[in-house]
Protein backbone atom coordinates (compact mmCIF):
# COMPACT_ATOMS: atom_id res chain seq x y z
CA UNK A 1 40.65 -11.29 -24.87
CA UNK A 2 38.91 -12.03 -28.14
CA UNK A 3 36.39 -9.34 -29.08
CA UNK A 4 35.25 -11.27 -32.16
CA UNK A 5 33.07 -9.22 -34.49
CA UNK A 6 30.91 -7.65 -31.82
CA UNK A 7 29.24 -4.52 -33.15
CA UNK A 8 25.47 -4.75 -32.65
CA UNK A 9 23.16 -2.14 -34.04
CA UNK A 10 22.52 0.47 -31.38
CA UNK A 11 25.79 -0.22 -29.50
CA UNK A 12 27.16 3.09 -28.23
CA UNK A 13 30.07 2.11 -25.98
CA UNK A 14 33.54 0.70 -26.48
CA UNK A 15 34.02 -3.05 -25.76
CA UNK A 16 36.36 -2.15 -22.91
CA UNK A 17 33.61 -0.06 -21.32
CA UNK A 18 31.21 -2.99 -21.65
CA UNK A 19 33.52 -5.38 -19.79
CA UNK A 20 34.36 -2.83 -17.15
CA UNK A 21 30.66 -2.31 -16.46
CA UNK A 22 30.07 -6.07 -16.39
CA UNK A 23 32.94 -6.54 -13.94
CA UNK A 24 31.54 -3.90 -11.57
CA UNK A 25 28.08 -5.45 -11.61
CA UNK A 26 29.41 -9.00 -11.21
CA UNK A 27 31.33 -7.89 -8.12
CA UNK A 28 28.16 -6.38 -6.68
CA UNK A 29 26.15 -9.52 -7.44
CA UNK A 30 28.84 -11.71 -5.84
CA UNK A 31 28.65 -9.64 -2.65
CA UNK A 32 24.84 -9.50 -2.57
CA UNK A 33 23.95 -13.02 -3.70
CA UNK A 34 23.65 -14.49 -0.19
CA UNK A 35 21.36 -11.64 0.92
CA UNK A 36 19.28 -11.94 -2.24
CA UNK A 37 18.61 -15.64 -1.72
CA UNK A 38 17.83 -15.32 1.97
CA UNK A 39 15.74 -12.19 1.43
CA UNK A 40 13.51 -13.83 -1.18
CA UNK A 41 13.08 -16.97 0.90
CA UNK A 42 12.10 -14.86 3.91
CA UNK A 43 9.60 -12.88 1.82
CA UNK A 44 7.94 -16.01 0.45
CA UNK A 45 7.70 -17.69 3.87
CA UNK A 46 6.36 -14.60 5.65
CA UNK A 47 3.94 -13.72 2.85
CA UNK A 48 2.57 -17.26 2.87
CA UNK A 49 1.74 -17.13 6.55
CA UNK A 50 0.30 -13.63 6.15
CA UNK A 51 -2.00 -14.82 3.35
CA UNK A 52 -3.09 -17.90 5.29
CA UNK A 53 -4.09 -15.91 8.35
CA UNK A 54 -5.17 -12.69 6.60
CA UNK A 55 -7.49 -14.52 4.20
CA UNK A 56 -8.58 -17.18 6.66
CA UNK A 57 -7.61 -20.07 4.38
CA UNK A 58 -8.86 -23.55 5.31
CA UNK A 59 -6.29 -26.16 6.31
CA UNK A 60 -6.14 -27.93 2.94
CA UNK A 61 -5.47 -24.74 0.99
CA UNK A 62 -3.01 -23.55 3.63
CA UNK A 63 -1.05 -26.79 3.28
CA UNK A 64 -1.03 -26.50 -0.53
CA UNK A 65 0.17 -22.89 -0.35
CA UNK A 66 2.95 -23.83 2.09
CA UNK A 67 3.99 -26.60 -0.29
CA UNK A 68 4.17 -24.10 -3.14
CA UNK A 69 6.39 -21.85 -1.03
CA UNK A 70 8.69 -24.74 -0.11
CA UNK A 71 9.16 -25.36 -3.84
CA UNK A 72 10.16 -21.71 -4.39
CA UNK A 73 12.62 -21.89 -1.50
CA UNK A 74 14.15 -25.13 -2.80
CA UNK A 75 14.67 -23.54 -6.24
CA UNK A 76 16.50 -20.63 -4.62
CA UNK A 77 18.70 -23.09 -2.74
CA UNK A 78 19.43 -24.94 -5.99
CA UNK A 79 20.25 -21.76 -7.89
CA UNK A 80 22.55 -20.33 -5.22
CA UNK A 81 25.68 -22.52 -5.70
CA UNK A 82 25.39 -22.45 -9.50
CA UNK A 83 25.09 -18.66 -9.59
CA UNK A 84 27.93 -18.25 -7.10
CA UNK A 85 30.27 -20.53 -9.06
CA UNK A 86 29.52 -18.80 -12.36
CA UNK A 87 30.00 -15.35 -10.87
CA UNK A 88 33.40 -16.30 -9.52
CA UNK A 89 34.47 -17.82 -12.85
CA UNK A 90 33.22 -14.72 -14.66
CA UNK A 91 35.13 -12.37 -12.35
CA UNK A 92 38.34 -14.37 -12.70
CA UNK A 93 38.02 -14.45 -16.50
CA UNK A 94 37.41 -10.70 -16.66
CA UNK A 95 40.38 -10.01 -14.38
CA UNK A 96 42.64 -12.10 -16.64
CA UNK A 97 41.11 -10.84 -19.91
CA UNK A 98 40.06 -14.40 -20.78
CA UNK A 99 36.66 -13.68 -22.25
CA UNK A 100 35.22 -13.76 -25.74
CA UNK A 101 32.55 -11.27 -26.86
CA UNK A 102 30.40 -12.22 -29.83
CA UNK A 103 27.13 -11.24 -31.42
CA UNK A 104 24.25 -13.54 -30.60
CA UNK A 105 23.30 -15.71 -33.59
CA UNK A 106 19.63 -14.66 -33.52
CA UNK A 107 19.47 -11.19 -31.99
CA UNK A 108 21.38 -8.35 -33.63
CA UNK A 109 21.34 -6.29 -30.46
CA UNK A 110 22.49 -9.03 -28.08
CA UNK A 111 26.11 -9.78 -27.20
CA UNK A 112 27.44 -12.96 -25.63
CA UNK A 113 30.27 -12.60 -23.10
CA UNK A 114 31.80 -16.05 -22.65
CA UNK A 115 34.59 -16.92 -20.17
CA UNK A 116 37.32 -18.99 -21.77
CA UNK A 117 36.72 -22.73 -21.45
CA UNK A 118 33.03 -22.36 -20.51
CA UNK A 119 29.95 -23.25 -22.54
CA UNK A 120 27.72 -20.67 -20.88
CA UNK A 121 27.75 -16.93 -21.50
CA UNK A 122 26.40 -13.70 -20.07
CA UNK A 123 23.96 -12.02 -22.46
CA UNK A 124 24.29 -8.26 -22.82
CA UNK A 125 21.73 -5.92 -24.36
CA UNK A 126 21.85 -2.15 -24.60
CA UNK A 127 18.49 -0.56 -23.80
CA UNK A 128 18.00 3.15 -23.28
CA UNK A 129 21.76 3.61 -23.01
CA UNK A 130 21.97 1.04 -20.18
CA UNK A 131 23.43 -2.44 -20.35
CA UNK A 132 21.24 -5.37 -19.30
CA UNK A 133 23.32 -8.36 -18.23
CA UNK A 134 21.86 -11.83 -17.62
CA UNK A 135 23.87 -14.67 -16.12
CA UNK A 136 22.16 -17.96 -17.02
CA UNK A 137 20.94 -20.53 -14.50
CA UNK A 138 20.40 -24.00 -15.90
CA UNK A 139 18.16 -26.89 -14.86
CA UNK A 140 16.61 -25.20 -11.84
CA UNK A 141 12.90 -25.92 -12.19
CA UNK A 142 10.06 -27.74 -10.49
CA UNK A 143 6.31 -28.31 -10.59
CA UNK A 144 4.02 -27.07 -7.84
CA UNK A 145 0.34 -26.45 -7.17
CA UNK A 146 -1.01 -23.04 -6.23
CA UNK A 147 -4.44 -23.17 -4.55
CA UNK A 148 -7.49 -21.08 -5.37
CA UNK A 149 -7.41 -18.65 -2.45
CA UNK A 150 -9.81 -15.82 -3.42
CA UNK A 151 -12.76 -17.67 -5.01
CA UNK A 152 -12.96 -15.05 -7.74
CA UNK A 153 -15.87 -15.14 -10.17
CA UNK A 154 -15.26 -16.22 -13.76
CA UNK A 155 -15.71 -12.64 -14.95
CA UNK A 156 -13.31 -11.18 -12.39
CA UNK A 157 -10.70 -13.81 -13.27
CA UNK A 158 -11.17 -13.10 -16.98
CA UNK A 159 -10.39 -9.40 -16.59
CA UNK A 160 -7.46 -10.00 -14.23
CA UNK A 161 -6.01 -12.50 -16.69
CA UNK A 162 -6.50 -10.04 -19.54
CA UNK A 163 -4.62 -7.40 -17.56
CA UNK A 164 -1.67 -9.66 -16.89
CA UNK A 165 -1.62 -10.76 -20.55
CA UNK A 166 -1.74 -7.09 -21.56
CA UNK A 167 1.54 -6.60 -19.71
CA UNK A 168 3.99 -9.26 -18.50
CA UNK A 169 2.26 -12.52 -19.43
CA UNK A 170 3.20 -14.31 -22.65
CA UNK A 171 2.28 -17.60 -24.31
CA UNK A 172 4.19 -20.90 -24.31
CA UNK A 173 2.67 -23.56 -26.53
CA UNK A 174 -0.82 -22.23 -25.81
CA UNK A 175 -0.14 -21.99 -22.07
CA UNK A 176 0.10 -18.73 -20.10
CA UNK A 177 3.65 -17.86 -19.06
CA UNK A 178 4.79 -15.15 -16.66
CA UNK A 179 8.26 -13.66 -16.33
CA UNK A 180 9.16 -11.41 -13.39
CA UNK A 181 11.93 -10.40 -11.02
CA UNK A 182 9.49 -9.34 -8.30
CA UNK A 183 8.57 -11.95 -5.65
CA UNK A 184 5.19 -10.32 -4.97
CA UNK A 185 4.33 -10.59 -8.68
CA UNK A 186 4.99 -14.34 -8.55
CA UNK A 187 2.19 -14.68 -6.00
CA UNK A 188 -0.15 -12.01 -7.42
CA UNK A 189 -0.03 -13.64 -10.86
CA UNK A 190 -0.40 -17.18 -9.49
CA UNK A 191 -3.65 -16.13 -7.80
CA UNK A 192 -5.09 -15.38 -11.25
CA UNK A 193 -3.64 -18.56 -12.83
CA UNK A 194 -3.98 -20.95 -9.89
CA UNK A 195 -3.57 -24.69 -10.35
CA UNK A 196 -0.51 -26.62 -11.52
CA UNK A 197 2.52 -24.51 -12.42
CA UNK A 198 5.97 -25.18 -13.85
CA UNK A 199 8.47 -22.81 -12.18
CA UNK A 200 11.95 -21.91 -13.40
CA UNK A 201 14.73 -19.77 -12.04
CA UNK A 202 16.18 -18.88 -15.42
CA UNK A 203 18.84 -16.20 -14.78
CA UNK A 204 20.52 -13.84 -12.38
CA UNK A 205 20.25 -10.26 -13.60
CA UNK A 206 23.41 -8.23 -12.95
CA UNK A 207 21.93 -4.80 -12.29
CA UNK A 208 23.54 -1.51 -11.33
CA UNK A 209 21.92 -1.27 -7.89
CA UNK A 210 21.25 -4.87 -6.84
CA UNK A 211 21.03 -8.27 -8.53
CA UNK A 212 17.68 -9.94 -9.16
CA UNK A 213 16.53 -13.44 -10.05
CA UNK A 214 14.37 -13.94 -13.13
CA UNK A 215 11.39 -16.16 -12.33
CA UNK A 216 9.54 -17.82 -15.21
CA UNK A 217 6.26 -19.58 -14.46
CA UNK A 218 4.07 -21.54 -16.88
CA UNK A 219 0.47 -22.39 -16.03
CA UNK A 220 -0.44 -26.00 -16.78
CA UNK A 221 -4.07 -25.60 -15.71
CA UNK A 222 -5.12 -22.83 -18.10
CA UNK A 223 -5.10 -22.28 -21.84
CA UNK A 224 -3.98 -18.90 -23.10
CA UNK A 225 -7.09 -16.99 -24.24
CA UNK A 226 -5.01 -14.59 -26.34
CA UNK A 227 -2.32 -16.83 -27.91
CA UNK A 228 -1.55 -15.15 -31.24
CA UNK A 229 1.01 -12.49 -32.07
CA UNK A 230 -1.77 -9.95 -31.69
CA UNK A 231 -2.71 -11.45 -28.33
CA UNK A 232 -1.20 -8.69 -26.23
CA UNK A 233 -3.14 -5.99 -28.10
CA UNK A 234 -6.33 -8.04 -27.88
CA UNK A 235 -5.85 -8.48 -24.14
CA UNK A 236 -5.22 -4.75 -23.74
CA UNK A 237 -8.57 -4.05 -25.40
CA UNK A 238 -10.31 -6.43 -22.98
CA UNK A 239 -8.43 -5.15 -19.93
CA UNK A 240 -9.31 -1.53 -20.70
CA UNK A 241 -13.03 -2.36 -20.30
CA UNK A 242 -12.88 -3.12 -16.56
CA UNK A 243 -11.08 -1.74 -13.48
CA UNK A 244 -9.67 -5.19 -12.58
CA UNK A 245 -8.16 -5.49 -16.04
CA UNK A 246 -6.61 -2.04 -15.71
CA UNK A 247 -5.30 -3.00 -12.27
CA UNK A 248 -3.48 -6.14 -13.44
CA UNK A 249 -2.16 -4.28 -16.48
CA UNK A 250 -0.80 -1.60 -14.17
CA UNK A 251 0.72 -4.20 -11.81
CA UNK A 252 2.62 -5.60 -14.76
CA UNK A 253 3.58 -2.60 -16.90
CA UNK A 254 2.52 0.37 -14.81
CA UNK A 255 4.80 3.27 -14.03
CA UNK A 256 4.59 4.68 -10.52
CA UNK A 257 3.77 8.36 -10.77
CA UNK A 258 2.48 11.01 -8.40
CA UNK A 259 -0.35 12.39 -10.49
CA UNK A 260 -1.74 9.77 -12.87
CA UNK A 261 -1.72 6.15 -14.00
CA UNK A 262 0.88 5.31 -16.62
CA UNK A 263 1.01 2.13 -18.68
CA UNK A 264 3.66 0.87 -21.02
CA UNK A 265 2.53 0.03 -24.57
CA UNK A 266 5.50 -1.04 -26.64
CA UNK A 267 8.00 1.76 -26.31
CA UNK A 268 5.34 4.32 -25.46
CA UNK A 269 3.35 5.20 -22.36
CA UNK A 270 -0.43 5.34 -21.96
CA UNK A 271 -1.83 7.89 -19.52
CA UNK A 272 -5.08 7.36 -17.63
CA UNK A 273 -6.93 9.87 -15.42
CA UNK A 274 -6.25 9.86 -11.71
CA UNK A 275 -9.94 9.29 -10.96
CA UNK A 276 -9.67 5.81 -12.49
CA UNK A 277 -7.63 4.82 -9.43
CA UNK A 278 -10.76 5.14 -7.29
CA UNK A 279 -12.67 2.67 -9.46
CA UNK A 280 -9.70 0.28 -9.45
CA UNK A 281 -9.49 0.39 -5.65
CA UNK A 282 -13.20 -0.19 -5.22
CA UNK A 283 -13.31 -3.15 -7.63
CA UNK A 284 -10.15 -4.68 -6.12
CA UNK A 285 -11.43 -4.54 -2.54
CA UNK A 286 -14.85 -5.86 -3.55
CA UNK A 287 -13.26 -9.01 -4.99
CA UNK A 288 -10.57 -9.51 -2.33
CA UNK A 289 -7.72 -8.88 -4.75
CA UNK A 290 -7.06 -5.53 -3.07
CA UNK A 291 -6.68 -7.19 0.32
CA UNK A 292 -4.32 -9.71 -1.25
CA UNK A 293 -2.12 -6.92 -2.61
CA UNK A 294 -2.16 -5.26 0.82
CA UNK A 295 -0.94 -8.50 2.39
CA UNK A 296 1.75 -8.92 -0.28
CA UNK A 297 2.91 -5.32 0.31
CA UNK A 298 3.02 -4.57 -3.41
CA UNK A 299 4.69 -1.22 -4.02
CA UNK A 300 2.68 -0.66 -7.21
CA UNK A 301 -0.54 -1.22 -5.31
CA UNK A 302 0.62 1.32 -2.73
CA UNK A 303 1.25 3.78 -5.57
CA UNK A 304 -2.34 3.40 -6.82
CA UNK A 305 -3.73 3.99 -3.33
CA UNK A 306 -1.75 7.21 -3.08
CA UNK A 307 -3.52 8.54 -6.16
CA UNK A 308 -6.89 8.74 -4.41
CA UNK A 309 -7.95 11.88 -2.52
CA UNK A 310 -6.39 12.37 0.89
CA UNK A 311 -9.83 12.21 2.48
CA UNK A 312 -11.53 8.83 2.24
CA UNK A 313 -13.89 8.83 -0.75
CA UNK A 314 -17.53 7.84 -0.43
CA UNK A 315 -18.83 5.22 -2.86
CA UNK A 316 -22.16 3.71 -3.89
CA UNK A 317 -23.05 1.30 -6.70
CA UNK A 318 -25.84 1.52 -9.25
CA UNK A 319 -26.67 -1.32 -11.63
CA UNK A 320 -23.17 -2.71 -11.19
CA UNK A 321 -21.39 0.62 -11.73
CA UNK A 322 -19.37 2.39 -9.05
CA UNK A 323 -20.18 6.03 -8.27
CA UNK A 324 -18.16 8.26 -5.98
CA UNK A 325 -20.02 10.96 -4.09
CA UNK A 326 -18.83 14.45 -3.26
CA UNK A 327 -20.25 17.52 -1.58
CA UNK A 328 -18.70 20.89 -2.42
CA UNK A 329 -19.19 23.13 0.61
CA UNK A 330 -18.47 26.43 -1.14
CA UNK A 331 -21.13 25.86 -3.83
CA UNK A 332 -23.37 23.57 -1.72
CA UNK A 333 -23.40 21.08 -4.60
CA UNK A 334 -24.08 17.36 -4.12
CA UNK A 335 -22.60 15.21 -6.89
CA UNK A 336 -22.15 11.55 -7.84
CA UNK A 337 -19.96 10.47 -10.76
CA UNK A 338 -19.10 7.21 -12.52
CA UNK A 339 -16.33 6.63 -15.05
CA UNK A 340 -16.96 4.74 -18.32
CA UNK A 341 -14.60 3.64 -21.07
CA UNK A 342 -17.49 2.55 -23.30
CA UNK A 343 -19.83 5.48 -24.11
CA UNK A 344 -22.65 3.07 -24.94
CA UNK A 345 -22.67 1.82 -21.33
CA UNK A 346 -22.91 5.38 -20.04
CA UNK A 347 -25.81 6.21 -22.33
CA UNK A 348 -27.66 2.99 -21.47
CA UNK A 349 -27.46 3.78 -17.78
CA UNK A 350 -28.52 7.41 -18.35
CA UNK A 351 -31.54 6.21 -20.31
CA UNK A 352 -32.50 3.71 -17.61
CA UNK A 353 -32.25 6.43 -14.97
CA UNK A 354 -34.35 8.83 -17.07
CA UNK A 355 -37.09 6.21 -17.28
CA UNK A 356 -37.24 6.34 -13.48
CA UNK A 357 -37.34 10.13 -13.36
CA UNK A 358 -33.66 10.61 -12.53
CA UNK A 359 -31.68 12.94 -14.77
CA UNK A 360 -27.99 12.32 -15.48
CA UNK A 361 -25.48 14.19 -17.63
CA UNK A 362 -22.62 12.68 -19.63
CA UNK A 363 -19.31 14.50 -20.19
CA UNK A 364 -16.36 13.27 -22.25
CA UNK A 365 -12.74 13.77 -21.20
CA UNK A 366 -9.88 14.35 -23.61
CA UNK A 367 -8.45 10.99 -22.51
CA UNK A 368 -11.47 9.23 -24.05
CA UNK A 369 -13.29 8.43 -20.82
CA UNK A 370 -16.94 9.33 -20.24
CA UNK A 371 -18.30 10.68 -16.96
CA UNK A 372 -21.91 10.06 -16.01
CA UNK A 373 -22.87 12.67 -13.43
CA UNK A 374 -25.88 12.89 -11.12
CA UNK A 375 -26.47 15.92 -8.90
CA UNK A 376 -28.63 17.28 -6.11
CA UNK A 377 -32.25 16.20 -5.99
CA UNK A 378 -31.63 13.33 -8.42
CA UNK A 379 -29.24 11.74 -5.92
CA UNK A 380 -31.83 12.16 -3.19
CA UNK A 381 -34.38 10.33 -5.37
CA UNK A 382 -31.93 7.42 -5.66
CA UNK A 383 -31.40 7.41 -1.90
CA UNK A 384 -35.14 7.19 -1.24
CA UNK A 385 -35.16 3.70 -2.78
CA UNK A 386 -31.65 2.46 -1.98
CA UNK A 387 -30.27 1.61 1.50
CA UNK A 388 -26.74 1.62 0.05
CA UNK A 389 -27.13 5.19 -1.23
CA UNK A 390 -28.65 6.30 2.07
CA UNK A 391 -25.63 4.85 3.87
CA UNK A 392 -23.36 6.73 1.45
CA UNK A 393 -25.22 9.97 2.17
CA UNK A 394 -24.77 9.38 5.89
CA UNK A 395 -21.03 8.92 5.40
CA UNK A 396 -20.92 12.06 3.28
CA UNK A 397 -22.82 14.08 5.91
CA UNK A 398 -20.44 12.91 8.65
CA UNK A 399 -17.41 13.57 6.49
CA UNK A 400 -18.39 17.19 5.82
CA UNK A 401 -20.18 17.90 9.11
CA UNK A 402 -23.23 19.08 7.18
CA UNK A 403 -25.89 21.30 8.71
CA UNK A 404 -29.49 21.71 7.43
CA UNK A 405 -28.98 25.12 5.85
CA UNK A 406 -30.99 24.54 2.66
CA UNK A 407 -34.01 22.41 1.69
CA UNK A 408 -31.69 20.00 -0.15
CA UNK A 409 -29.39 19.60 2.86
CA UNK A 410 -32.35 19.11 5.16
CA UNK A 411 -33.66 16.33 2.91
CA UNK A 412 -30.19 14.80 2.61
CA UNK A 413 -29.80 14.65 6.40
CA UNK A 414 -33.34 13.36 6.79
CA UNK A 415 -32.63 10.47 4.42
CA UNK A 416 -29.31 9.80 6.11
CA UNK A 417 -30.71 9.70 9.63
CA UNK A 418 -34.32 8.64 9.10
CA UNK A 419 -34.70 6.44 6.02
CA UNK A 420 -38.17 5.88 4.54
CA UNK A 421 -40.11 3.05 6.09
CA UNK A 422 -40.58 0.04 3.81
CA UNK A 423 -44.00 -0.26 2.27
CA UNK A 424 -46.20 -2.97 3.71
């Protein structure tokens, strides 16, 4: 066994420990490879049929989507024998101490573990005191078309694309590129970058719990809007302006947590208030992207849904902004609130409301968000002129089982049950 000159910056374990860990993970991957391939093929096939029927896709788009899935399945079939052969050669070389460990020529923190007589190597990186091992897969790629299945508006697509670029998406010769080990992310990203795609299975990751395939997908139908080195930061600024952008950012780099939304920014985490989840859910379901994530059974999407109140929230929109309504029984307070990242937007809406005799208050959170709040009689004034707000009041009354104890509650119930007649 030739250990070469391997001593990357940040390396904290002995070379023998490295190879022992690699051997353990290679054994696991060898045992689980068959299940991994079949499991991903099953997921893609079943998800395709679920999307076709759940979204009511027309025959032409259904056929295109099935063709895309067949391409994914064929790539898995192509990768299987190559990965299996390399794993067995790696295990044999490790058992016989016939491996060479060298520093990568370009990355100071990357090691190459090469079985004797082979031209390929396993890359090893130490991150957060854990080894990341990648076994390469060569020449497993294909082109495929992904159909437009949600008919998203240009603005909705723009913010979703910004969110993915803010997280997992990169740039390849001015084309958007996505790297993931999650099958649901393959489909969720392709929905936002539909059209012609180049798909690679680039490596088998030898993890501690189970192996994963690394999917790399390049969009041939879109140009990267944020192509420079600063592109990720620029996309993060755009994504933070809209719930759909925050959603896609979370789907890529989010951390599942019980109490708040957490995003990865470099080596740090960004925390967002739990109430933002309600706006994300509302925007996602309005566009159909939420239903898509339900059908794909995305665990990160499930985590966002768990952040909302246990009781179903009541929503209404006003000039394109989403308000959630609450009634506090103990204080008999009726309240509607909207969340803003841009304070100028909050103040513009407050001014427009004031011009119509409706008073609103703006509060600023420590996290930098701004809450525009409407209460009591001002909400009732809105409901007098808005069927959507009257419907929201009806839902709120049913949710709380309200009784006409006060003049405000009597008026609320009157609007909910007997809306004003339209003027003739």
